[in-house]
C-alpha atoms as a PDB file:
ATOM      1  CA  MET A   1      -0.535 -26.559   8.442  1.00  0.00           C
ATOM      2  CA  VAL A   2      -1.455 -22.921   8.499  1.00  0.00           C
ATOM      3  CA  ALA A   3       0.878 -19.978   7.343  1.00  0.00           C
ATOM      4  CA  LEU A   4       0.696 -16.438   8.660  1.00  0.00           C
ATOM      5  CA  PHE A   5       1.874 -13.256   6.885  1.00  0.00           C
ATOM      6  CA  LEU A   6       1.845 -10.259   9.220  1.00  0.00           C
ATOM      7  CA  ALA A   7       2.819  -6.483   8.889  1.00  0.00           C
ATOM      8  CA  MET A   8       3.091  -4.326  11.962  1.00  0.00           C
ATOM      9  CA  ASN A   9       4.475  -1.039  13.197  1.00  0.00           C
ATOM     10  CA  ASN A  10       4.863   0.595  16.768  1.00  0.00           C
ATOM     11  CA  GLN A  11       1.114   1.304  16.553  1.00  0.00           C
ATOM     12  CA  GLY A  12      -0.119  -2.184  16.156  1.00  0.00           C
ATOM     13  CA  VAL A  13      -0.782  -4.952  13.696  1.00  0.00           C
ATOM     14  CA  ILE A  14      -1.489  -3.282  10.325  1.00  0.00           C
ATOM     15  CA  HIS A  15      -2.411  -6.409   8.064  1.00  0.00           C
ATOM     16  CA  THR A  16      -2.467 -10.101   8.192  1.00  0.00           C
ATOM     17  CA  GLY A  17      -2.799 -12.979   5.721  1.00  0.00           C
ATOM     18  CA  ILE A  18      -3.710 -16.437   6.853  1.00  0.00           C
ATOM     19  CA  ILE A  19      -2.881 -19.218   4.297  1.00  0.00           C
ATOM     20  CA  ASP A  20      -4.879 -22.290   5.318  1.00  0.00           C
ATOM     21  CA  ASP A  21      -2.977 -24.808   3.211  1.00  0.00           C
ATOM     22  CA  GLY A  22       0.332 -23.657   4.852  1.00  0.00           C
ATOM     23  CA  SER A  23       2.275 -23.013   1.679  1.00  0.00           C
ATOM     24  CA  TYR A  24       4.368 -19.786   1.625  1.00  0.00           C
ATOM     25  CA  THR A  25       4.779 -18.770  -2.082  1.00  0.00           C
ATOM     26  CA  GLY A  26       6.114 -15.626  -3.787  1.00  0.00           C
ATOM     27  CA  PRO A  27       2.716 -15.016  -5.545  1.00  0.00           C
ATOM     28  CA  LYS A  28       0.806 -15.375  -2.224  1.00  0.00           C
ATOM     29  CA  PHE A  29       3.305 -13.101  -0.563  1.00  0.00           C
ATOM     30  CA  CYS A  30       3.044 -10.466  -3.332  1.00  0.00           C
ATOM     31  CA  ALA A  31      -0.830 -10.590  -2.970  1.00  0.00           C
ATOM     32  CA  PHE A  32      -0.328  -9.947   0.662  1.00  0.00           C
ATOM     33  CA  VAL A  33       1.945  -7.002   0.005  1.00  0.00           C
ATOM     34  CA  GLU A  34      -0.467  -5.465  -2.553  1.00  0.00           C
ATOM     35  CA  GLU A  35      -3.200  -5.649   0.085  1.00  0.00           C
ATOM     36  CA  LEU A  36      -0.862  -4.132   2.684  1.00  0.00           C
ATOM     37  CA  VAL A  37       0.302  -1.309   0.271  1.00  0.00           C
ATOM     38  CA  SER A  38      -3.368  -0.509  -0.472  1.00  0.00           C
ATOM     39  CA  LYS A  39      -4.144  -0.348   3.264  1.00  0.00           C
ATOM     40  CA  MET A  40      -0.961   1.781   4.105  1.00  0.00           C
ATOM     41  CA  ARG A  41      -2.015   4.390   1.396  1.00  0.00           C
ATOM     42  CA  GLY A  42      -4.997   5.185   3.507  1.00  0.00           C
ATOM     43  CA  MET A  43      -2.995   5.640   6.795  1.00  0.00           C
ATOM     44  CA  ASN A  44      -1.547   8.834   8.119  1.00  0.00           C
ATOM     45  CA  GLY A  45       2.155   8.931   8.528  1.00  0.00           C
ATOM     46  CA  MET A  46       2.999   6.014   6.133  1.00  0.00           C
ATOM     47  CA  ASP A  47       4.627   7.887   3.217  1.00  0.00           C
ATOM     48  CA  GLY A  48       8.095   6.696   2.752  1.00  0.00           C
ATOM     49  CA  ALA A  49       7.724   3.909   5.338  1.00  0.00           C
ATOM     50  CA  TRP A  50      10.254   1.084   5.187  1.00  0.00           C
ATOM     51  CA  LEU A  51       9.091  -2.541   4.804  1.00  0.00           C
ATOM     52  CA  ILE A  52      11.676  -4.442   6.840  1.00  0.00           C
ATOM     53  CA  MET A  53      11.780  -8.199   6.097  1.00  0.00           C
ATOM     54  CA  ASP A  54      14.093 -11.127   6.746  1.00  0.00           C
ATOM     55  CA  ASN A  55      16.015 -12.816   3.829  1.00  0.00           C
ATOM     56  CA  ALA A  56      13.420 -15.342   2.845  1.00  0.00           C
ATOM     57  CA  ARG A  57      13.316 -16.076  -0.917  1.00  0.00           C
ATOM     58  CA  ILE A  58       9.738 -14.970  -1.171  1.00  0.00           C
ATOM     59  CA  HIS A  59      10.769 -11.494  -0.004  1.00  0.00           C
ATOM     60  CA  LYS A  60      13.241 -11.149  -2.805  1.00  0.00           C
ATOM     61  CA  THR A  61      11.153 -11.731  -5.894  1.00  0.00           C
ATOM     62  CA  SER A  62      11.241  -9.309  -8.915  1.00  0.00           C
ATOM     63  CA  GLU A  63       7.382  -9.121  -8.652  1.00  0.00           C
ATOM     64  CA  LEU A  64       7.623  -7.779  -5.023  1.00  0.00           C
ATOM     65  CA  ARG A  65      10.173  -5.276  -6.284  1.00  0.00           C
ATOM     66  CA  ARG A  66       7.905  -4.179  -9.043  1.00  0.00           C
ATOM     67  CA  ILE A  67       5.045  -3.765  -6.697  1.00  0.00           C
ATOM     68  CA  LEU A  68       6.927  -1.581  -4.339  1.00  0.00           C
ATOM     69  CA  GLU A  69       8.685   0.465  -7.199  1.00  0.00           C
ATOM     70  CA  GLU A  70       5.128   1.949  -7.573  1.00  0.00           C
ATOM     71  CA  THR A  71       5.000   3.240  -4.101  1.00  0.00           C
ATOM     72  CA  SER A  72       6.790   5.587  -1.663  1.00  0.00           C
ATOM     73  CA  TYR A  73       7.822   2.554   0.468  1.00  0.00           C
ATOM     74  CA  GLU A  74      11.280   1.208   0.710  1.00  0.00           C
ATOM     75  CA  LEU A  75      12.181  -2.473   1.082  1.00  0.00           C
ATOM     76  CA  LYS A  76      14.938  -3.065   3.568  1.00  0.00           C
ATOM     77  CA  PHE A  77      16.315  -6.522   4.566  1.00  0.00           C
ATOM     78  CA  LEU A  78      17.670  -7.613   7.930  1.00  0.00           C
ATOM     79  CA  SER A  79      21.115  -9.199   8.273  1.00  0.00           C
ATOM     80  CA  PRO A  80      20.958 -12.891   8.265  1.00  0.00           C
ATOM     81  CA  TYR A  81      20.767 -14.437  11.585  1.00  0.00           C
ATOM     82  CA  PHE A  82      19.459 -11.214  13.324  1.00  0.00           C
ATOM     83  CA  TYR A  83      15.905 -12.291  13.890  1.00  0.00           C
ATOM     84  CA  MET A  84      15.958 -10.460  17.191  1.00  0.00           C
ATOM     85  CA  LEU A  85      15.905  -7.242  15.115  1.00  0.00           C
ATOM     86  CA  ASN A  86      12.560  -8.222  13.645  1.00  0.00           C
ATOM     87  CA  PRO A  87       9.801  -7.215  15.901  1.00  0.00           C
ATOM     88  CA  VAL A  88       7.292  -9.415  13.947  1.00  0.00           C
ATOM     89  CA  GLU A  89       8.964 -12.484  15.527  1.00  0.00           C
ATOM     90  CA  ASN A  90       7.739 -11.151  19.024  1.00  0.00           C
ATOM     91  CA  VAL A  91       4.034 -10.994  17.485  1.00  0.00           C
ATOM     92  CA  PHE A  92       4.467 -14.509  16.006  1.00  0.00           C
ATOM     93  CA  SER A  93       5.660 -15.829  19.471  1.00  0.00           C
ATOM     94  CA  LYS A  94       2.561 -14.198  21.376  1.00  0.00           C
ATOM     95  CA  VAL A  95       0.227 -15.660  18.577  1.00  0.00           C
ATOM     96  CA  ARG A  96       1.805 -19.060  18.899  1.00  0.00           C
ATOM     97  CA  ALA A  97       1.415 -19.082  22.584  1.00  0.00           C
ATOM     98  CA  CYS A  98      -2.221 -17.969  22.471  1.00  0.00           C
ATOM     99  CA  VAL A  99      -3.068 -20.584  19.784  1.00  0.00           C
ATOM    100  CA  LYS A 100      -1.390 -23.293  21.955  1.00  0.00           C
ATOM    101  CA  ARG A 101      -3.435 -22.192  24.974  1.00  0.00           C
ATOM    102  CA  LEU A 102      -6.570 -22.119  22.944  1.00  0.00           C
ATOM    103  CA  LEU A 103      -5.868 -25.546  21.375  1.00  0.00           C
ATOM    104  CA  ASN A 104      -5.529 -26.911  25.056  1.00  0.00           C
ATOM    105  CA  ASN A 105      -8.580 -25.344  26.209  1.00  0.00           C
ATOM    106  CA  THR A 106     -10.905 -25.903  23.346  1.00  0.00           C
ATOM    107  CA  THR A 107     -13.451 -28.689  22.936  1.00  0.00           C
ATOM    108  CA  ALA A 108     -14.918 -27.519  19.758  1.00  0.00           C
ATOM    109  CA  ASP A 109     -13.529 -28.519  16.299  1.00  0.00           C
ATOM    110  CA  ARG A 110     -12.234 -25.164  15.296  1.00  0.00           C
ATOM    111  CA  MET A 111      -9.954 -24.328  12.414  1.00  0.00           C
ATOM    112  CA  ARG A 112      -6.507 -23.206  13.241  1.00  0.00           C
ATOM    113  CA  SER A 113      -6.961 -20.029  11.167  1.00  0.00           C
ATOM    114  CA  SER A 114      -9.753 -18.873  13.456  1.00  0.00           C
ATOM    115  CA  LEU A 115      -7.377 -19.606  16.524  1.00  0.00           C
ATOM    116  CA  ILE A 116      -4.615 -17.628  14.917  1.00  0.00           C
ATOM    117  CA  GLN A 117      -7.145 -14.732  14.280  1.00  0.00           C
ATOM    118  CA  GLU A 118      -8.032 -14.797  17.998  1.00  0.00           C
ATOM    119  CA  GLY A 119      -4.127 -14.862  18.907  1.00  0.00           C
ATOM    120  CA  ILE A 120      -3.551 -11.844  16.584  1.00  0.00           C
ATOM    121  CA  ALA A 121      -6.354 -10.056  18.414  1.00  0.00           C
ATOM    122  CA  THR A 122      -4.579 -10.229  21.704  1.00  0.00           C
ATOM    123  CA  VAL A 123      -1.512  -8.154  20.317  1.00  0.00           C
ATOM    124  CA  THR A 124      -2.012  -4.710  21.616  1.00  0.00           C
ATOM    125  CA  GLN A 125      -0.525  -1.388  20.457  1.00  0.00           C
ATOM    126  CA  GLU A 126       1.465  -1.502  23.673  1.00  0.00           C
ATOM    127  CA  ASP A 127       2.827  -4.921  22.706  1.00  0.00           C
ATOM    128  CA  CYS A 128       3.979  -3.573  19.303  1.00  0.00           C
ATOM    129  CA  ALA A 129       5.508  -0.557  20.726  1.00  0.00           C
ATOM    130  CA  LYS A 130       7.396  -2.577  23.186  1.00  0.00           C
ATOM    131  CA  TYR A 131       8.577  -4.884  20.361  1.00  0.00           C
ATOM    132  CA  VAL A 132       9.829  -1.977  18.180  1.00  0.00           C
ATOM    133  CA  LEU A 133      11.674  -0.435  21.226  1.00  0.00           C
ATOM    134  CA  HIS A 134      13.119  -3.810  21.932  1.00  0.00           C
ATOM    135  CA  MET A 135      14.371  -4.191  18.354  1.00  0.00           C
ATOM    136  CA  MET A 136      15.770  -0.484  18.413  1.00  0.00           C
ATOM    137  CA  MET A 137      17.741  -1.316  21.673  1.00  0.00           C
ATOM    138  CA  SER A 138      19.091  -4.583  20.149  1.00  0.00           C
ATOM    139  CA  LEU A 139      20.067  -2.613  17.112  1.00  0.00           C
ATOM    140  CA  ALA A 140      21.910  -0.062  19.179  1.00  0.00           C
ATOM    141  CA  ILE A 141      23.877  -2.924  21.162  1.00  0.00           C
ATOM    142  CA  ALA A 142      24.618  -4.731  17.906  1.00  0.00           C
ATOM    143  CA  ALA A 143      25.924  -1.534  16.315  1.00  0.00           C
ATOM    144  CA  ALA A 144      28.219  -0.846  19.369  1.00  0.00           C
ATOM    145  CA  GLY A 145      29.814  -4.114  18.926  1.00  0.00           C
END
């Protein structure tokens, strides 16, 4: 099993982490976030950015809070059961579909992590902008009741 950590905004996929042993752990996620924060510091327009996450336990560790306290970034959590407000889920869906297609069409013995990387490469800036717009529209509908 392979696990994927991914960060994106409306401009595209910012950072990914592929875990070949498939285990999502707090320390692995914190290492991913440290790499992400380092990358974001070098990007224009990222000061004060929100890191929006679901309510997974690995997203709520004291170590993660410590990492982010040293930055200008704010950690925000989605309400439970509102996965449709998480545009990363759209990226995961596109990557899964691409990996399935590649697995069906491949004859070589390729590692899933390389197939996932190929899937991530198919995610465009237009895709990410569309996913964020969809999230904003869903948020407006949810807020209106």
